Every structure is written in C-alpha cells, then in structure tokens.
Protein backbone atom coordinates (compact mmCIF):
# COMPACT_ATOMS: atom_id res chain seq x y z
CA MET A 1 4.08 9.70 -12.17
CA GLY A 2 6.95 12.18 -12.33
CA LEU A 3 10.63 12.09 -11.43
CA GLN A 4 10.01 12.26 -7.67
CA LEU A 5 7.77 9.17 -7.75
CA LEU A 6 10.26 7.32 -9.98
CA LYS A 7 13.10 7.96 -7.54
CA ILE A 8 11.04 6.78 -4.56
CA SER A 9 9.85 3.69 -6.46
CA LEU A 10 13.38 2.69 -7.44
CA PHE A 11 14.60 3.24 -3.88
CA PHE A 12 12.19 0.61 -2.59
CA ILE A 13 11.90 -1.75 -5.57
CA LEU A 14 15.61 -2.42 -6.09
CA PRO A 15 16.13 -4.02 -2.65
CA LEU A 16 13.15 -6.35 -3.06
CA PHE A 17 15.40 -9.12 -4.34
CA VAL A 18 17.94 -8.78 -1.52
CA ASN A 19 17.35 -10.23 1.91
CA VAL A 20 19.55 -8.49 4.47
CA ASN A 21 20.29 -10.42 7.67
CA ALA A 22 17.21 -12.58 7.26
CA SER A 23 16.22 -14.24 10.52
CA ASP A 24 13.20 -15.91 12.02
CA SER A 25 10.02 -13.80 11.75
CA PRO A 26 7.26 -16.22 12.77
CA GLU A 27 4.61 -13.59 13.54
CA GLU A 28 5.00 -11.94 10.15
CA ALA A 29 5.07 -15.33 8.39
CA ARG A 30 1.88 -16.42 10.15
CA ALA A 31 0.16 -13.15 9.27
CA LEU A 32 1.08 -13.49 5.61
CA LEU A 33 -0.04 -17.13 5.43
CA LYS A 34 -3.36 -16.30 7.10
CA TRP A 35 -3.99 -13.60 4.52
CA LYS A 36 -2.93 -15.91 1.67
CA ALA A 37 -5.46 -18.51 2.86
CA SER A 38 -8.25 -15.94 2.53
CA LEU A 39 -7.42 -15.16 -1.11
CA HIS A 40 -8.77 -16.90 -4.18
CA SER A 41 -6.91 -18.30 -7.16
CA LYS A 42 -8.68 -18.76 -10.48
CA THR A 43 -5.85 -20.52 -12.30
CA LYS A 44 -2.33 -21.34 -11.07
CA PRO A 45 -1.42 -21.85 -7.40
CA LEU A 46 -1.19 -18.55 -5.57
CA LEU A 47 2.16 -17.44 -4.12
CA PRO A 48 3.72 -20.95 -4.09
CA SER A 49 6.91 -19.78 -2.36
CA TRP A 50 4.87 -18.79 0.72
CA MET A 51 5.28 -22.11 2.53
CA THR A 52 3.32 -23.56 5.45
CA LEU A 53 4.93 -23.16 8.85
CA HIS A 54 6.19 -26.22 10.70
CA PRO A 55 6.18 -26.08 14.54
CA LYS A 56 9.77 -27.38 14.88
CA THR A 57 11.23 -25.39 12.00
CA LYS A 58 12.18 -21.73 12.06
CA THR A 59 10.54 -20.07 9.10
CA SER A 60 11.33 -16.63 7.77
CA PRO A 61 9.22 -14.95 5.06
CA CYS A 62 12.28 -13.04 3.84
CA SER A 63 12.91 -15.45 0.94
CA TRP A 64 9.28 -15.45 -0.20
CA PHE A 65 8.16 -13.88 -3.46
CA GLY A 66 7.43 -10.16 -3.13
CA ILE A 67 8.84 -9.88 0.40
CA SER A 68 11.90 -7.86 1.35
CA CYS A 69 13.48 -7.72 4.81
CA HIS A 70 16.02 -5.82 6.80
CA GLY A 71 17.35 -7.20 10.05
CA GLY A 72 15.02 -10.16 9.69
CA ARG A 73 11.85 -8.05 9.69
CA VAL A 74 9.59 -7.42 6.71
CA THR A 75 10.12 -3.92 5.33
CA ALA A 76 8.54 -4.22 1.88
CA ILE A 77 5.67 -6.12 0.29
CA ASN A 78 5.50 -5.83 -3.50
CA LEU A 79 2.76 -7.99 -5.01
CA ALA A 80 1.89 -5.80 -7.98
CA ASN A 81 0.03 -7.64 -10.76
CA SER A 82 0.15 -10.97 -8.90
CA GLY A 83 -3.39 -12.23 -9.58
CA LEU A 84 -4.62 -11.60 -6.03
CA ASN A 85 -8.38 -11.88 -5.55
CA GLY A 86 -9.83 -11.21 -2.13
CA THR A 87 -9.87 -8.58 0.60
CA LEU A 88 -7.46 -7.04 3.10
CA HIS A 89 -9.61 -7.90 6.10
CA GLU A 90 -7.61 -11.01 7.07
CA LEU A 91 -4.28 -9.21 6.95
CA SER A 92 -2.96 -8.33 10.40
CA PHE A 93 -1.40 -4.92 9.80
CA SER A 94 -0.13 -4.74 13.39
CA SER A 95 2.21 -7.65 12.63
CA PHE A 96 4.36 -5.44 10.37
CA PRO A 97 5.76 -2.60 12.50
CA ASN A 98 8.71 -2.10 10.11
CA LEU A 99 6.85 -2.11 6.80
CA SER A 100 7.71 0.96 4.73
CA TYR A 101 6.69 -0.13 1.20
CA PHE A 102 3.32 -1.74 0.37
CA ASN A 103 2.40 -2.22 -3.30
CA LEU A 104 -0.69 -4.21 -4.36
CA THR A 105 -1.48 -2.42 -7.62
CA MET A 106 -3.14 -4.22 -10.56
CA ASN A 107 -4.84 -7.07 -8.72
CA GLU A 108 -8.49 -7.98 -8.07
CA LEU A 109 -8.73 -6.99 -4.46
CA HIS A 110 -12.10 -5.75 -3.29
CA GLY A 111 -14.12 -4.77 -0.23
CA SER A 112 -13.29 -1.80 1.94
CA ILE A 113 -9.83 -0.60 2.91
CA PRO A 114 -9.60 -1.47 6.63
CA ASP A 115 -9.14 1.32 9.17
CA GLU A 116 -6.39 -0.82 10.69
CA ILE A 117 -4.10 0.06 7.79
CA SER A 118 -3.06 2.99 9.99
CA GLN A 119 -1.15 0.45 12.12
CA LEU A 120 1.54 0.42 9.43
CA SER A 121 3.12 3.33 11.23
CA GLU A 122 6.42 3.30 9.28
CA LEU A 123 4.78 3.26 5.84
CA VAL A 124 6.35 5.58 3.27
CA TYR A 125 4.86 4.19 0.04
CA LEU A 126 1.30 2.82 -0.34
CA ASP A 127 -0.12 1.78 -3.72
CA LEU A 128 -3.54 0.09 -3.81
CA SER A 129 -4.39 1.38 -7.29
CA SER A 130 -6.15 -0.54 -10.09
CA ASN A 131 -8.15 -2.86 -7.85
CA GLN A 132 -11.86 -2.94 -6.93
CA PHE A 133 -11.89 -1.41 -3.46
CA THR A 134 -15.19 0.13 -2.41
CA GLY A 135 -16.56 2.29 0.38
CA LYS A 136 -15.03 5.34 2.01
CA ILE A 137 -11.35 6.12 2.12
CA PRO A 138 -10.41 5.52 5.78
CA SER A 139 -9.68 8.76 7.59
CA SER A 140 -7.17 6.74 9.63
CA ILE A 141 -4.76 6.93 6.67
CA GLY A 142 -4.15 10.45 7.96
CA LEU A 143 -2.24 8.84 10.84
CA LEU A 144 0.48 7.52 8.50
CA MET A 145 2.84 10.36 9.31
CA HIS A 146 5.78 9.03 7.23
CA ILE A 147 3.80 8.48 4.03
CA GLN A 148 5.27 10.13 0.93
CA VAL A 149 3.45 8.39 -1.92
CA LEU A 150 -0.24 7.46 -1.70
CA ASN A 151 -1.99 5.95 -4.73
CA LEU A 152 -5.61 4.79 -4.43
CA SER A 153 -6.57 5.53 -8.04
CA GLY A 154 -8.56 3.18 -10.29
CA ASN A 155 -10.89 1.75 -7.66
CA LYS A 156 -14.57 2.24 -6.73
CA LEU A 157 -14.05 4.37 -3.66
CA SER A 158 -16.83 6.81 -2.76
CA ASP A 159 -17.67 9.73 -0.50
CA SER A 160 -15.15 12.54 0.04
CA VAL A 161 -11.42 12.92 0.46
CA PRO A 162 -10.73 12.69 4.22
CA ALA A 163 -9.77 15.97 5.84
CA SER A 164 -7.12 14.02 7.76
CA PHE A 165 -5.05 13.83 4.56
CA GLY A 166 -4.13 17.42 5.35
CA ASP A 167 -2.06 16.10 8.26
CA LEU A 168 0.27 14.09 6.00
CA SER A 169 3.10 16.58 6.16
CA LYS A 170 5.59 14.39 4.25
CA LEU A 171 3.23 13.59 1.35
CA THR A 172 4.73 14.32 -2.07
CA ASP A 173 2.47 12.35 -4.43
CA LEU A 174 -1.29 11.77 -4.08
CA HIS A 175 -3.37 9.90 -6.66
CA LEU A 176 -7.10 9.38 -6.21
CA TYR A 177 -8.42 9.63 -9.79
CA ASN A 178 -10.85 7.16 -11.40
CA ASN A 179 -12.96 6.62 -8.30
CA SER A 180 -16.44 7.81 -7.39
CA LEU A 181 -15.41 10.49 -4.94
CA SER A 182 -17.58 13.53 -4.26
CA GLY A 183 -17.45 16.69 -2.23
CA SER A 184 -14.80 19.36 -2.10
CA ILE A 185 -11.06 18.94 -1.67
CA PRO A 186 -10.06 19.54 1.97
CA PRO A 187 -8.52 23.03 2.26
CA LYS A 188 -5.72 21.64 4.42
CA LEU A 189 -4.29 19.85 1.37
CA SER A 190 -3.24 23.21 -0.06
CA ARG A 191 -0.98 23.72 2.93
CA LEU A 192 1.05 20.54 2.41
CA SER A 193 4.38 22.11 1.46
CA LYS A 194 5.93 18.89 0.11
CA LEU A 195 2.99 17.87 -2.08
CA VAL A 196 4.32 18.37 -5.60
CA TYR A 197 2.01 16.07 -7.55
CA HIS A 198 -1.64 15.24 -7.04
CA ASP A 199 -4.37 13.89 -9.28
CA LEU A 200 -7.84 13.87 -7.76
CA GLN A 201 -9.89 13.79 -10.96
CA ASN A 202 -12.78 11.34 -11.24
CA GLY A 203 -13.94 9.78 -14.48
CA GLY A 204 -11.77 8.55 -17.32
CA GLY A 205 -9.20 11.34 -17.45
CA SER A 206 -5.88 11.57 -15.74
CA SER A 207 -5.03 15.24 -15.67
CA LYS A 208 -2.08 16.19 -13.51
CA THR A 209 -2.30 19.18 -11.21
CA PRO A 210 0.81 20.48 -9.44
CA GLY A 211 0.47 20.78 -5.71
CA PRO A 212 1.83 23.56 -3.50
CA GLY A 213 5.41 22.50 -4.13
CA GLY A 214 5.08 22.98 -7.88
CA ARG A 215 6.45 20.66 -10.50
C-alpha cells in the first residue's frame, strides 16, 4: 500500500487497544448492538464482548472488541477479518459523529454501500475492501471532506467512479481495483494534489499507478 498508507494505518491502529477517558456512550452502544443483531454468525458467537444494554446500568462500548474511544466517544472501529456476514443497512452512521477510522476489510459483508455513510463527517480512513458489496459506489462519499485513505477494492461494485471523488481534496490513497466498474475516470481526480497512490484497475491485477503527487 506504500509508506504513506502504512503511516496512516499505524497512527489509527495502535490506539485501538487504549481507551482514553471512556465514559457512557449509550447512543453509540445501542447503534452497535442493533447492527450486531442484524449480522449472521456461521460458527462461534459473534462479537461476544459487545454486551446487551441494561436500563439501570451505564454502558460504554469503549471496552468492546474493535472499538476505540477518545473522550468517551467512539473514534475508531476496526473489525477487519472478524467473520462478519450481513449488510451495513442497520448501522446508524449518524450515531458516530467522531468516527475517524472505519475498517471492515476481509469479511463477508454484502448488499449496497448506504448513501448515509456520508454522515461519518470526521472520517479519515475507510476500508471496506475484500467483501461482497454490490451496486454503485455512493456519490455521497464525495462529502467525506477529511478522508485520506479510501479502499473499496475486492468487491462487486459496478457502474462508474463517482465524479464527486474529485472533491476529496485530502485524499492520498484510493483503491478500487477488482470490482466491475466501467466508464472513464473522472477528470477531476487528476487535480487532487495530495493523491499519491491510486489503483483503479479491474480484473485480477493490482497494478499501481502514481497519482498527481507522485510516489
């Protein structure tokens, strides 16, 4: 993925095991539990540390597997290779106004990527690669103005690359390969001055093409 991606990944992954000033976050906990209930488990119990809420007990998700917090609010969700099978449609994105890192790579998630993902307004890192997502890439992703790394590779996404991606002025790494995309690459992508790595190739290859920033 390149040195830039490695640095960004380490920046977010290292704090995932540290809960800073964890406090009560009932809305986020409820949103996570609702999404968990919509998922399917083929073998072992799914996400056993995500415990049911009790009305008289304050419950924070900050100690749950794959969840990292700052100031008691969820800032990172890292559930890479966690055996998740289901969709994103029961996940309330608006419940996570502080989320900056969202990694669901190497699961069995399917269905479309909801337009509401644009409600994660503080998102810097989004990795939905190596799943089974279908349909169009939501143009609303172009509203994620803080996004630096965007990886949707290894899915079954179709249609064209949204022109709105050209508005992602902070984007450094873009990976869309191994999908069923068609059409031309939006010209606005060539004007993203911070884009130093992008891979838009379909099929089985994984060629790497430097973006405007070079590499």
